[in-house]
Amino acid sequence: MANRVTVGLDGSPESTAAARWAAHEAELRGASLDLVHAEEWLENPPLPVTTTEDRRRWAEAVLRDTAEDVRRVHPSLKVDTRRVGGLPSLALAHAAENSDMLVLGSRALGSVAGFLVGSTGFATVAEAARPVVLVRSVDRAGNPPDGARDTGPIVVGVDIHQPCDNLLAFAFEEASHRHCPLVIIHGWSPPPILSYAPALDPGVQQEMANGVVTTLDEMISPWHEKYPSLQVDSRATIGQPAIQILDAASTAALVVVGRRIRHATFGTHIGPITHAVMHHAVSPVAVIAHE
């Protein structure tokens, strides 16, 4: 696999934020940066682009200006630019097939409404086999959130009942690149019967909790061994998983969640927990595909 970070550009402040975040990430990894514009990426173009030649010139200007922007901050970074055609979600997913990750921008709607992952971005997350990182812009100048800097932990949400090797591999590697702590979250709920009759056996819930913690520890033990110097905080907490992840990720540099690869033609291919985190996490969100 090429040591490369790919970014989808559409000329918006959000994609500028994505490119700036990705440039920082590429430098951390010692990777190159690949700036990609997918034709028909824009649902509402900022300019009245009417002809094929106009579209070409506009796309080339977006790529050129963004490349110059990131080179000013990262002068030693290798930056490539290209245009791709086809259905945008498929074109971007294909463009990132040999990359470490694909980075896209998403638009903030406010503290209550959360964030908007547009139809193309949402479809790209569902199609991409490689990790997809969604980056918010904190202002109209295209600045990424503070999480773009090494100021917080990496937070990853796992399900102890599902294979999580892809998520853990990405999260541990990312924390290692950033030399920051890693927080592993598993949210769970006791069976409903314990809520109705907790007095039948007060020790049952604690016994279940101990079992969950043991299973979580066993899941991450091989990764502890691979990254012995990494500071890891694993938490098995009672409550809705999405809320537990979002609470832990409030000051994170990056939050990592998974989506199961589905081979069915229909359906969103993105589970409810990942869907909630994608729309409400303040920090950048990495979505990792897994079987």
C-alpha atoms as a PDB file:
ATOM      1  CA  MET A   1       0.000   0.000   0.000  1.00  0.00           C
ATOM      2  CA  ALA A   2       1.221   3.494  -0.858  1.00  0.00           C
ATOM      3  CA  ASN A   3       2.105   5.734   2.084  1.00  0.00           C
ATOM      4  CA  ARG A   4      -0.434   8.381   1.147  1.00  0.00           C
ATOM      5  CA  VAL A   5      -3.349  10.406   2.499  1.00  0.00           C
ATOM      6  CA  THR A   6      -6.105  11.278  -0.012  1.00  0.00           C
ATOM      7  CA  VAL A   7      -8.468  14.260   0.284  1.00  0.00           C
ATOM      8  CA  GLY A   8     -11.692  14.926  -1.610  1.00  0.00           C
ATOM      9  CA  LEU A   9     -11.950  18.610  -2.608  1.00  0.00           C
ATOM     10  CA  ASP A  10     -15.019  20.542  -3.709  1.00  0.00           C
ATOM     11  CA  GLY A  11     -13.911  24.152  -3.207  1.00  0.00           C
ATOM     12  CA  SER A  12     -15.840  24.639   0.049  1.00  0.00           C
ATOM     13  CA  PRO A  13     -14.377  25.804   3.386  1.00  0.00           C
ATOM     14  CA  GLU A  14     -15.129  22.325   4.701  1.00  0.00           C
ATOM     15  CA  SER A  15     -12.908  20.672   2.102  1.00  0.00           C
ATOM     16  CA  THR A  16     -10.207  23.258   2.820  1.00  0.00           C
ATOM     17  CA  ALA A  17     -10.381  22.230   6.489  1.00  0.00           C
ATOM     18  CA  ALA A  18     -10.159  18.587   5.399  1.00  0.00           C
ATOM     19  CA  ALA A  19      -7.067  19.328   3.293  1.00  0.00           C
ATOM     20  CA  ARG A  20      -5.351  21.170   6.148  1.00  0.00           C
ATOM     21  CA  TRP A  21      -6.120  18.368   8.592  1.00  0.00           C
ATOM     22  CA  ALA A  22      -4.936  15.781   6.070  1.00  0.00           C
ATOM     23  CA  ALA A  23      -1.675  17.667   5.447  1.00  0.00           C
ATOM     24  CA  HIS A  24      -0.949  17.578   9.180  1.00  0.00           C
ATOM     25  CA  GLU A  25      -1.824  13.881   9.249  1.00  0.00           C
ATOM     26  CA  ALA A  26       0.364  13.102   6.231  1.00  0.00           C
ATOM     27  CA  GLU A  27       3.302  14.848   7.852  1.00  0.00           C
ATOM     28  CA  LEU A  28       2.809  12.824  11.052  1.00  0.00           C
ATOM     29  CA  ARG A  29       2.852   9.620   9.008  1.00  0.00           C
ATOM     30  CA  GLY A  30       5.699  10.623   6.712  1.00  0.00           C
ATOM     31  CA  ALA A  31       3.219  10.205   3.852  1.00  0.00           C
ATOM     32  CA  SER A  32       2.407  12.140   0.700  1.00  0.00           C
ATOM     33  CA  LEU A  33      -0.819  14.116   0.213  1.00  0.00           C
ATOM     34  CA  ASP A  34      -3.129  13.390  -2.723  1.00  0.00           C
ATOM     35  CA  LEU A  35      -5.667  16.139  -3.491  1.00  0.00           C
ATOM     36  CA  VAL A  36      -8.564  14.820  -5.581  1.00  0.00           C
ATOM     37  CA  HIS A  37     -11.502  16.594  -7.186  1.00  0.00           C
ATOM     38  CA  ALA A  38     -14.368  14.349  -8.291  1.00  0.00           C
ATOM     39  CA  GLU A  39     -16.456  15.691 -11.147  1.00  0.00           C
ATOM     40  CA  GLU A  40     -20.058  16.410 -10.151  1.00  0.00           C
ATOM     41  CA  TRP A  41     -18.939  16.452  -6.472  1.00  0.00           C
ATOM     42  CA  LEU A  42     -20.831  19.713  -5.946  1.00  0.00           C
ATOM     43  CA  GLU A  43     -24.556  19.598  -5.396  1.00  0.00           C
ATOM     44  CA  ASN A  44     -24.696  23.423  -5.229  1.00  0.00           C
ATOM     45  CA  PRO A  45     -21.599  24.883  -6.909  1.00  0.00           C
ATOM     46  CA  PRO A  46     -20.395  28.207  -5.443  1.00  0.00           C
ATOM     47  CA  LEU A  47     -19.889  29.543  -8.961  1.00  0.00           C
ATOM     48  CA  PRO A  48     -22.144  29.354 -12.046  1.00  0.00           C
ATOM     49  CA  VAL A  49     -20.066  26.707 -13.808  1.00  0.00           C
ATOM     50  CA  THR A  50     -21.745  26.069 -17.152  1.00  0.00           C
ATOM     51  CA  THR A  51     -19.360  24.486 -19.642  1.00  0.00           C
ATOM     52  CA  THR A  52     -16.932  21.593 -19.595  1.00  0.00           C
ATOM     53  CA  GLU A  53     -14.018  23.996 -20.044  1.00  0.00           C
ATOM     54  CA  ASP A  54     -15.273  26.209 -17.210  1.00  0.00           C
ATOM     55  CA  ARG A  55     -15.582  23.175 -14.936  1.00  0.00           C
ATOM     56  CA  ARG A  56     -12.077  22.032 -15.813  1.00  0.00           C
ATOM     57  CA  ARG A  57     -10.565  25.456 -15.123  1.00  0.00           C
ATOM     58  CA  TRP A  58     -12.494  25.825 -11.881  1.00  0.00           C
ATOM     59  CA  ALA A  59     -11.488  22.346 -10.636  1.00  0.00           C
ATOM     60  CA  GLU A  60      -7.843  22.937 -11.547  1.00  0.00           C
ATOM     61  CA  ALA A  61      -7.903  26.270  -9.704  1.00  0.00           C
ATOM     62  CA  VAL A  62      -9.349  24.581  -6.584  1.00  0.00           C
ATOM     63  CA  LEU A  63      -6.637  21.921  -6.682  1.00  0.00           C
ATOM     64  CA  ARG A  64      -3.852  24.442  -7.352  1.00  0.00           C
ATOM     65  CA  ASP A  65      -4.948  26.901  -4.671  1.00  0.00           C
ATOM     66  CA  THR A  66      -5.379  24.168  -2.050  1.00  0.00           C
ATOM     67  CA  ALA A  67      -1.990  22.675  -2.863  1.00  0.00           C
ATOM     68  CA  GLU A  68      -0.369  26.093  -2.455  1.00  0.00           C
ATOM     69  CA  ASP A  69      -2.211  26.602   0.830  1.00  0.00           C
ATOM     70  CA  VAL A  70      -0.935  23.374   2.409  1.00  0.00           C
ATOM     71  CA  ARG A  71       2.585  23.808   1.021  1.00  0.00           C
ATOM     72  CA  ARG A  72       2.912  27.144   2.802  1.00  0.00           C
ATOM     73  CA  VAL A  73       2.465  25.376   6.144  1.00  0.00           C
ATOM     74  CA  HIS A  74       4.116  22.084   5.173  1.00  0.00           C
ATOM     75  CA  PRO A  75       6.843  23.028   2.668  1.00  0.00           C
ATOM     76  CA  SER A  76       8.512  19.603   2.717  1.00  0.00           C
ATOM     77  CA  LEU A  77       5.275  17.685   2.108  1.00  0.00           C
ATOM     78  CA  LYS A  78       4.896  15.923  -1.251  1.00  0.00           C
ATOM     79  CA  VAL A  79       1.551  17.072  -2.689  1.00  0.00           C
ATOM     80  CA  ASP A  80      -0.122  15.625  -5.801  1.00  0.00           C
ATOM     81  CA  THR A  81      -3.326  16.820  -7.472  1.00  0.00           C
ATOM     82  CA  ARG A  82      -5.717  15.099  -9.844  1.00  0.00           C
ATOM     83  CA  ARG A  83      -9.254  15.109 -11.212  1.00  0.00           C
ATOM     84  CA  VAL A  84     -11.373  11.950 -11.380  1.00  0.00           C
ATOM     85  CA  GLY A  85     -14.672  11.223 -13.096  1.00  0.00           C
ATOM     86  CA  GLY A  86     -17.682   9.040 -12.489  1.00  0.00           C
ATOM     87  CA  LEU A  87     -20.220   8.869  -9.689  1.00  0.00           C
ATOM     88  CA  PRO A  88     -18.513  10.983  -6.993  1.00  0.00           C
ATOM     89  CA  SER A  89     -18.887   8.544  -4.093  1.00  0.00           C
ATOM     90  CA  LEU A  90     -17.491   5.668  -6.150  1.00  0.00           C
ATOM     91  CA  ALA A  91     -14.817   7.848  -7.749  1.00  0.00           C
ATOM     92  CA  LEU A  92     -13.514   9.081  -4.389  1.00  0.00           C
ATOM     93  CA  ALA A  93     -13.628   5.621  -2.826  1.00  0.00           C
ATOM     94  CA  HIS A  94     -11.700   4.251  -5.813  1.00  0.00           C
ATOM     95  CA  ALA A  95      -9.207   7.136  -5.700  1.00  0.00           C
ATOM     96  CA  ALA A  96      -8.332   6.222  -2.106  1.00  0.00           C
ATOM     97  CA  GLU A  97      -8.012   2.454  -2.629  1.00  0.00           C
ATOM     98  CA  ASN A  98      -4.237   2.545  -2.172  1.00  0.00           C
ATOM     99  CA  SER A  99      -4.176   5.270   0.495  1.00  0.00           C
ATOM    100  CA  ASP A 100      -3.889   5.134   4.258  1.00  0.00           C
ATOM    101  CA  MET A 101      -7.157   7.047   4.458  1.00  0.00           C
ATOM    102  CA  LEU A 102      -9.622   9.276   2.617  1.00  0.00           C
ATOM    103  CA  VAL A 103     -10.375  12.668   4.220  1.00  0.00           C
ATOM    104  CA  LEU A 104     -13.600  14.593   3.548  1.00  0.00           C
ATOM    105  CA  GLY A 105     -15.114  17.800   4.907  1.00  0.00           C
ATOM    106  CA  SER A 106     -18.498  18.091   6.625  1.00  0.00           C
ATOM    107  CA  ARG A 107     -20.518  21.154   7.497  1.00  0.00           C
ATOM    108  CA  ALA A 108     -21.477  22.294  11.003  1.00  0.00           C
ATOM    109  CA  LEU A 109     -25.151  23.044  11.642  1.00  0.00           C
ATOM    110  CA  GLY A 110     -24.785  24.329  15.193  1.00  0.00           C
ATOM    111  CA  SER A 111     -24.344  22.895  18.670  1.00  0.00           C
ATOM    112  CA  VAL A 112     -27.881  21.494  18.819  1.00  0.00           C
ATOM    113  CA  ALA A 113     -28.339  20.276  15.245  1.00  0.00           C
ATOM    114  CA  GLY A 114     -24.859  18.795  15.043  1.00  0.00           C
ATOM    115  CA  PHE A 115     -23.180  18.362  11.674  1.00  0.00           C
ATOM    116  CA  LEU A 116     -24.283  17.675   8.145  1.00  0.00           C
ATOM    117  CA  VAL A 117     -22.700  14.804   6.290  1.00  0.00           C
ATOM    118  CA  GLY A 118     -23.880  15.502   2.745  1.00  0.00           C
ATOM    119  CA  SER A 119     -25.332  12.831   0.503  1.00  0.00           C
ATOM    120  CA  THR A 120     -22.085  12.404  -1.434  1.00  0.00           C
ATOM    121  CA  GLY A 121     -19.967  12.246   1.739  1.00  0.00           C
ATOM    122  CA  PHE A 122     -22.382   9.801   3.346  1.00  0.00           C
ATOM    123  CA  ALA A 123     -22.383   7.578   0.255  1.00  0.00           C
ATOM    124  CA  THR A 124     -18.579   7.713   0.095  1.00  0.00           C
ATOM    125  CA  VAL A 125     -18.264   6.533   3.709  1.00  0.00           C
ATOM    126  CA  ALA A 126     -20.567   3.625   2.870  1.00  0.00           C
ATOM    127  CA  GLU A 127     -18.587   2.707  -0.261  1.00  0.00           C
ATOM    128  CA  ALA A 128     -14.969   3.172   0.805  1.00  0.00           C
ATOM    129  CA  ALA A 129     -12.929   0.157   1.839  1.00  0.00           C
ATOM    130  CA  ARG A 130     -10.228   2.399   3.317  1.00  0.00           C
ATOM    131  CA  PRO A 131     -10.699   4.496   6.499  1.00  0.00           C
ATOM    132  CA  VAL A 132     -12.661   7.694   5.877  1.00  0.00           C
ATOM    133  CA  VAL A 133     -12.065  10.727   8.113  1.00  0.00           C
ATOM    134  CA  LEU A 134     -14.696  13.474   8.330  1.00  0.00           C
ATOM    135  CA  VAL A 135     -13.356  16.895   9.297  1.00  0.00           C
ATOM    136  CA  ARG A 136     -15.423  19.891  10.380  1.00  0.00           C
ATOM    137  CA  SER A 137     -14.594  23.485   9.579  1.00  0.00           C
ATOM    138  CA  VAL A 138     -14.790  25.803  12.584  1.00  0.00           C
ATOM    139  CA  ASP A 139     -15.167  28.933  10.452  1.00  0.00           C
ATOM    140  CA  ARG A 140     -15.743  30.090   6.903  1.00  0.00           C
ATOM    141  CA  ALA A 141     -11.991  30.371   6.373  1.00  0.00           C
ATOM    142  CA  GLY A 142     -11.697  26.595   6.259  1.00  0.00           C
ATOM    143  CA  ASN A 143      -9.829  26.123   9.531  1.00  0.00           C
ATOM    144  CA  PRO A 144     -10.119  22.624  11.012  1.00  0.00           C
ATOM    145  CA  PRO A 145     -11.046  22.086  14.678  1.00  0.00           C
ATOM    146  CA  ASP A 146      -8.506  22.192  17.482  1.00  0.00           C
ATOM    147  CA  GLY A 147      -8.452  18.390  17.346  1.00  0.00           C
ATOM    148  CA  ALA A 148      -6.209  18.711  14.288  1.00  0.00           C
ATOM    149  CA  ARG A 149      -3.395  19.395  16.734  1.00  0.00           C
ATOM    150  CA  ASP A 150      -1.921  16.867  19.151  1.00  0.00           C
ATOM    151  CA  THR A 151      -3.904  18.222  22.096  1.00  0.00           C
ATOM    152  CA  GLY A 152      -6.157  15.311  22.949  1.00  0.00           C
ATOM    153  CA  PRO A 153      -6.436  11.534  22.982  1.00  0.00           C
ATOM    154  CA  ILE A 154      -7.567   9.187  20.264  1.00  0.00           C
ATOM    155  CA  VAL A 155     -10.964   7.741  21.236  1.00  0.00           C
ATOM    156  CA  VAL A 156     -12.188   4.474  19.699  1.00  0.00           C
ATOM    157  CA  GLY A 157     -15.560   2.820  20.207  1.00  0.00           C
ATOM    158  CA  VAL A 158     -15.572  -0.988  20.132  1.00  0.00           C
ATOM    159  CA  ASP A 159     -18.112  -3.787  20.433  1.00  0.00           C
ATOM    160  CA  ILE A 160     -16.700  -6.770  22.334  1.00  0.00           C
ATOM    161  CA  HIS A 161     -19.150  -9.032  20.495  1.00  0.00           C
ATOM    162  CA  GLN A 162     -17.809  -8.098  17.038  1.00  0.00           C
ATOM    163  CA  PRO A 163     -14.377  -8.335  15.361  1.00  0.00           C
ATOM    164  CA  CYS A 164     -12.584  -5.045  16.027  1.00  0.00           C
ATOM    165  CA  ASP A 165      -9.062  -5.685  14.769  1.00  0.00           C
ATOM    166  CA  ASN A 166      -9.348  -3.105  11.969  1.00  0.00           C
ATOM    167  CA  LEU A 167     -10.531  -0.421  14.396  1.00  0.00           C
ATOM    168  CA  LEU A 168      -7.907  -1.208  17.000  1.00  0.00           C
ATOM    169  CA  ALA A 169      -5.119  -1.393  14.431  1.00  0.00           C
ATOM    170  CA  PHE A 170      -6.015   2.056  13.112  1.00  0.00           C
ATOM    171  CA  ALA A 171      -6.539   3.595  16.565  1.00  0.00           C
ATOM    172  CA  PHE A 172      -3.320   2.216  18.071  1.00  0.00           C
ATOM    173  CA  GLU A 173      -1.304   3.249  15.023  1.00  0.00           C
ATOM    174  CA  GLU A 174      -2.812   6.741  15.065  1.00  0.00           C
ATOM    175  CA  ALA A 175      -2.110   7.206  18.776  1.00  0.00           C
ATOM    176  CA  SER A 176       1.438   6.006  18.183  1.00  0.00           C
ATOM    177  CA  HIS A 177       1.963   8.563  15.378  1.00  0.00           C
ATOM    178  CA  ARG A 178       0.652  11.352  17.596  1.00  0.00           C
ATOM    179  CA  HIS A 179       2.330  10.163  20.824  1.00  0.00           C
ATOM    180  CA  CYS A 180      -0.975  10.684  22.615  1.00  0.00           C
ATOM    181  CA  PRO A 181      -3.169   8.552  24.929  1.00  0.00           C
ATOM    182  CA  LEU A 182      -5.704   6.119  23.546  1.00  0.00           C
ATOM    183  CA  VAL A 183      -9.162   5.774  25.114  1.00  0.00           C
ATOM    184  CA  ILE A 184     -11.117   2.610  24.266  1.00  0.00           C
ATOM    185  CA  ILE A 185     -14.865   2.703  24.932  1.00  0.00           C
ATOM    186  CA  HIS A 186     -17.352  -0.158  25.091  1.00  0.00           C
ATOM    187  CA  GLY A 187     -20.856   0.889  26.077  1.00  0.00           C
ATOM    188  CA  TRP A 188     -23.233  -1.828  27.238  1.00  0.00           C
ATOM    189  CA  SER A 189     -26.557  -2.338  28.991  1.00  0.00           C
ATOM    190  CA  PRO A 190     -27.641  -5.087  31.429  1.00  0.00           C
ATOM    191  CA  PRO A 191     -30.527  -7.315  30.334  1.00  0.00           C
ATOM    192  CA  PRO A 192     -33.898  -5.607  30.907  1.00  0.00           C
ATOM    193  CA  ILE A 193     -34.874  -8.170  33.548  1.00  0.00           C
ATOM    194  CA  LEU A 194     -32.254  -6.719  35.901  1.00  0.00           C
ATOM    195  CA  SER A 195     -33.886  -3.317  35.629  1.00  0.00           C
ATOM    196  CA  TYR A 196     -37.219  -4.731  36.716  1.00  0.00           C
ATOM    197  CA  ALA A 197     -35.967  -6.988  39.513  1.00  0.00           C
ATOM    198  CA  PRO A 198     -32.560  -5.781  40.689  1.00  0.00           C
ATOM    199  CA  ALA A 199     -33.165  -7.040  44.232  1.00  0.00           C
ATOM    200  CA  LEU A 200     -33.306 -10.683  43.144  1.00  0.00           C
ATOM    201  CA  ASP A 201     -29.513 -10.876  43.159  1.00  0.00           C
ATOM    202  CA  PRO A 202     -27.548  -7.628  43.708  1.00  0.00           C
ATOM    203  CA  GLY A 203     -24.340  -9.330  42.609  1.00  0.00           C
ATOM    204  CA  VAL A 204     -25.566 -10.368  39.168  1.00  0.00           C
ATOM    205  CA  GLN A 205     -24.983  -6.992  37.512  1.00  0.00           C
ATOM    206  CA  GLN A 206     -21.518  -6.670  39.044  1.00  0.00           C
ATOM    207  CA  GLU A 207     -20.648 -10.159  37.865  1.00  0.00           C
ATOM    208  CA  MET A 208     -21.759  -9.223  34.349  1.00  0.00           C
ATOM    209  CA  ALA A 209     -19.742  -6.019  34.500  1.00  0.00           C
ATOM    210  CA  ASN A 210     -16.641  -7.957  35.522  1.00  0.00           C
ATOM    211  CA  GLY A 211     -17.168 -10.301  32.596  1.00  0.00           C
ATOM    212  CA  VAL A 212     -17.460  -7.398  30.159  1.00  0.00           C
ATOM    213  CA  VAL A 213     -14.241  -5.834  31.482  1.00  0.00           C
ATOM    214  CA  THR A 214     -12.414  -9.157  31.211  1.00  0.00           C
ATOM    215  CA  THR A 215     -13.558  -9.653  27.610  1.00  0.00           C
ATOM    216  CA  LEU A 216     -12.517  -6.086  26.699  1.00  0.00           C
ATOM    217  CA  ASP A 217      -9.098  -6.586  28.288  1.00  0.00           C
ATOM    218  CA  GLU A 218      -8.618  -9.819  26.353  1.00  0.00           C
ATOM    219  CA  MET A 219      -9.567  -8.075  23.110  1.00  0.00           C
ATOM    220  CA  ILE A 220      -6.969  -5.330  23.469  1.00  0.00           C
ATOM    221  CA  SER A 221      -4.220  -7.410  25.107  1.00  0.00           C
ATOM    222  CA  PRO A 222      -2.403  -8.210  21.807  1.00  0.00           C
ATOM    223  CA  TRP A 223      -2.343  -4.515  20.933  1.00  0.00           C
ATOM    224  CA  HIS A 224      -0.906  -3.641  24.349  1.00  0.00           C
ATOM    225  CA  GLU A 225       1.903  -6.033  23.571  1.00  0.00           C
ATOM    226  CA  LYS A 226       2.506  -4.494  20.134  1.00  0.00           C
ATOM    227  CA  TYR A 227       2.486  -0.915  21.508  1.00  0.00           C
ATOM    228  CA  PRO A 228       3.858  -1.331  25.056  1.00  0.00           C
ATOM    229  CA  SER A 229       4.768   2.338  25.542  1.00  0.00           C
ATOM    230  CA  LEU A 230       1.326   3.642  24.601  1.00  0.00           C
ATOM    231  CA  GLN A 231      -0.901   5.004  27.375  1.00  0.00           C
ATOM    232  CA  VAL A 232      -4.236   3.148  27.089  1.00  0.00           C
ATOM    233  CA  ASP A 233      -7.416   3.778  29.072  1.00  0.00           C
ATOM    234  CA  SER A 234     -10.058   1.083  28.443  1.00  0.00           C
ATOM    235  CA  ARG A 235     -13.586   1.715  29.710  1.00  0.00           C
ATOM    236  CA  ALA A 236     -16.570  -0.631  29.807  1.00  0.00           C
ATOM    237  CA  THR A 237     -19.407   1.677  30.823  1.00  0.00           C
ATOM    238  CA  ILE A 238     -23.129   1.141  31.216  1.00  0.00           C
ATOM    239  CA  GLY A 239     -25.123   3.299  28.826  1.00  0.00           C
ATOM    240  CA  GLN A 240     -25.859   3.907  25.171  1.00  0.00           C
ATOM    241  CA  PRO A 241     -22.617   3.356  23.213  1.00  0.00           C
ATOM    242  CA  ALA A 242     -22.957   6.461  21.033  1.00  0.00           C
ATOM    243  CA  ILE A 243     -23.413   8.713  24.065  1.00  0.00           C
ATOM    244  CA  GLN A 244     -20.464   7.104  25.861  1.00  0.00           C
ATOM    245  CA  ILE A 245     -18.238   7.605  22.804  1.00  0.00           C
ATOM    246  CA  LEU A 246     -19.353  11.204  22.277  1.00  0.00           C
ATOM    247  CA  ASP A 247     -18.782  12.067  25.939  1.00  0.00           C
ATOM    248  CA  ALA A 248     -15.267  10.626  25.845  1.00  0.00           C
ATOM    249  CA  ALA A 249     -14.541  12.315  22.507  1.00  0.00           C
ATOM    250  CA  SER A 250     -15.419  15.856  23.578  1.00  0.00           C
ATOM    251  CA  THR A 251     -11.720  16.792  23.839  1.00  0.00           C
ATOM    252  CA  ALA A 252     -10.301  14.165  21.473  1.00  0.00           C
ATOM    253  CA  ALA A 253      -7.909  14.734  18.586  1.00  0.00           C
ATOM    254  CA  LEU A 254      -9.786  12.031  16.677  1.00  0.00           C
ATOM    255  CA  VAL A 255     -12.653   9.635  17.347  1.00  0.00           C
ATOM    256  CA  VAL A 256     -12.646   6.234  15.633  1.00  0.00           C
ATOM    257  CA  VAL A 257     -15.752   4.140  14.930  1.00  0.00           C
ATOM    258  CA  GLY A 258     -16.492   1.181  12.675  1.00  0.00           C
ATOM    259  CA  ARG A 259     -18.984   0.212  10.032  1.00  0.00           C
ATOM    260  CA  ARG A 260     -19.647  -3.351   9.028  1.00  0.00           C
ATOM    261  CA  ILE A 261     -19.137  -4.096   5.337  1.00  0.00           C
ATOM    262  CA  ARG A 262     -22.476  -5.131   3.904  1.00  0.00           C
ATOM    263  CA  HIS A 263     -22.722  -6.763   0.496  1.00  0.00           C
ATOM    264  CA  ALA A 264     -26.464  -6.198   0.118  1.00  0.00           C
ATOM    265  CA  THR A 265     -27.532  -3.759  -2.580  1.00  0.00           C
ATOM    266  CA  PHE A 266     -29.902  -1.810  -0.360  1.00  0.00           C
ATOM    267  CA  GLY A 267     -29.455  -0.170   3.031  1.00  0.00           C
ATOM    268  CA  THR A 268     -27.264   2.608   4.401  1.00  0.00           C
ATOM    269  CA  HIS A 269     -24.345   0.282   5.256  1.00  0.00           C
ATOM    270  CA  ILE A 270     -23.694   2.503   8.286  1.00  0.00           C
ATOM    271  CA  GLY A 271     -24.912   1.432  11.723  1.00  0.00           C
ATOM    272  CA  PRO A 272     -26.825   3.706  14.141  1.00  0.00           C
ATOM    273  CA  ILE A 273     -23.913   4.228  16.547  1.00  0.00           C
ATOM    274  CA  THR A 274     -21.514   5.293  13.802  1.00  0.00           C
ATOM    275  CA  HIS A 275     -24.263   7.393  12.233  1.00  0.00           C
ATOM    276  CA  ALA A 276     -24.778   9.273  15.516  1.00  0.00           C
ATOM    277  CA  VAL A 277     -21.065   9.831  16.093  1.00  0.00           C
ATOM    278  CA  MET A 278     -20.562  11.039  12.510  1.00  0.00           C
ATOM    279  CA  HIS A 279     -23.219  13.699  12.972  1.00  0.00           C
ATOM    280  CA  HIS A 280     -22.487  14.870  16.509  1.00  0.00           C
ATOM    281  CA  ALA A 281     -18.794  14.485  17.335  1.00  0.00           C
ATOM    282  CA  VAL A 282     -16.934  17.791  17.545  1.00  0.00           C
ATOM    283  CA  SER A 283     -13.558  16.284  16.679  1.00  0.00           C
ATOM    284  CA  PRO A 284     -12.696  14.630  13.348  1.00  0.00           C
ATOM    285  CA  VAL A 285     -14.279  11.188  12.947  1.00  0.00           C
ATOM    286  CA  ALA A 286     -12.587   8.184  11.344  1.00  0.00           C
ATOM    287  CA  VAL A 287     -14.941   5.479  10.035  1.00  0.00           C
ATOM    288  CA  ILE A 288     -13.253   2.101   9.599  1.00  0.00           C
ATOM    289  CA  ALA A 289     -14.817  -0.598   7.413  1.00  0.00           C
ATOM    290  CA  HIS A 290     -14.687  -4.164   8.746  1.00  0.00           C
ATOM    291  CA  GLU A 291     -16.314  -7.523   8.080  1.00  0.00           C
END
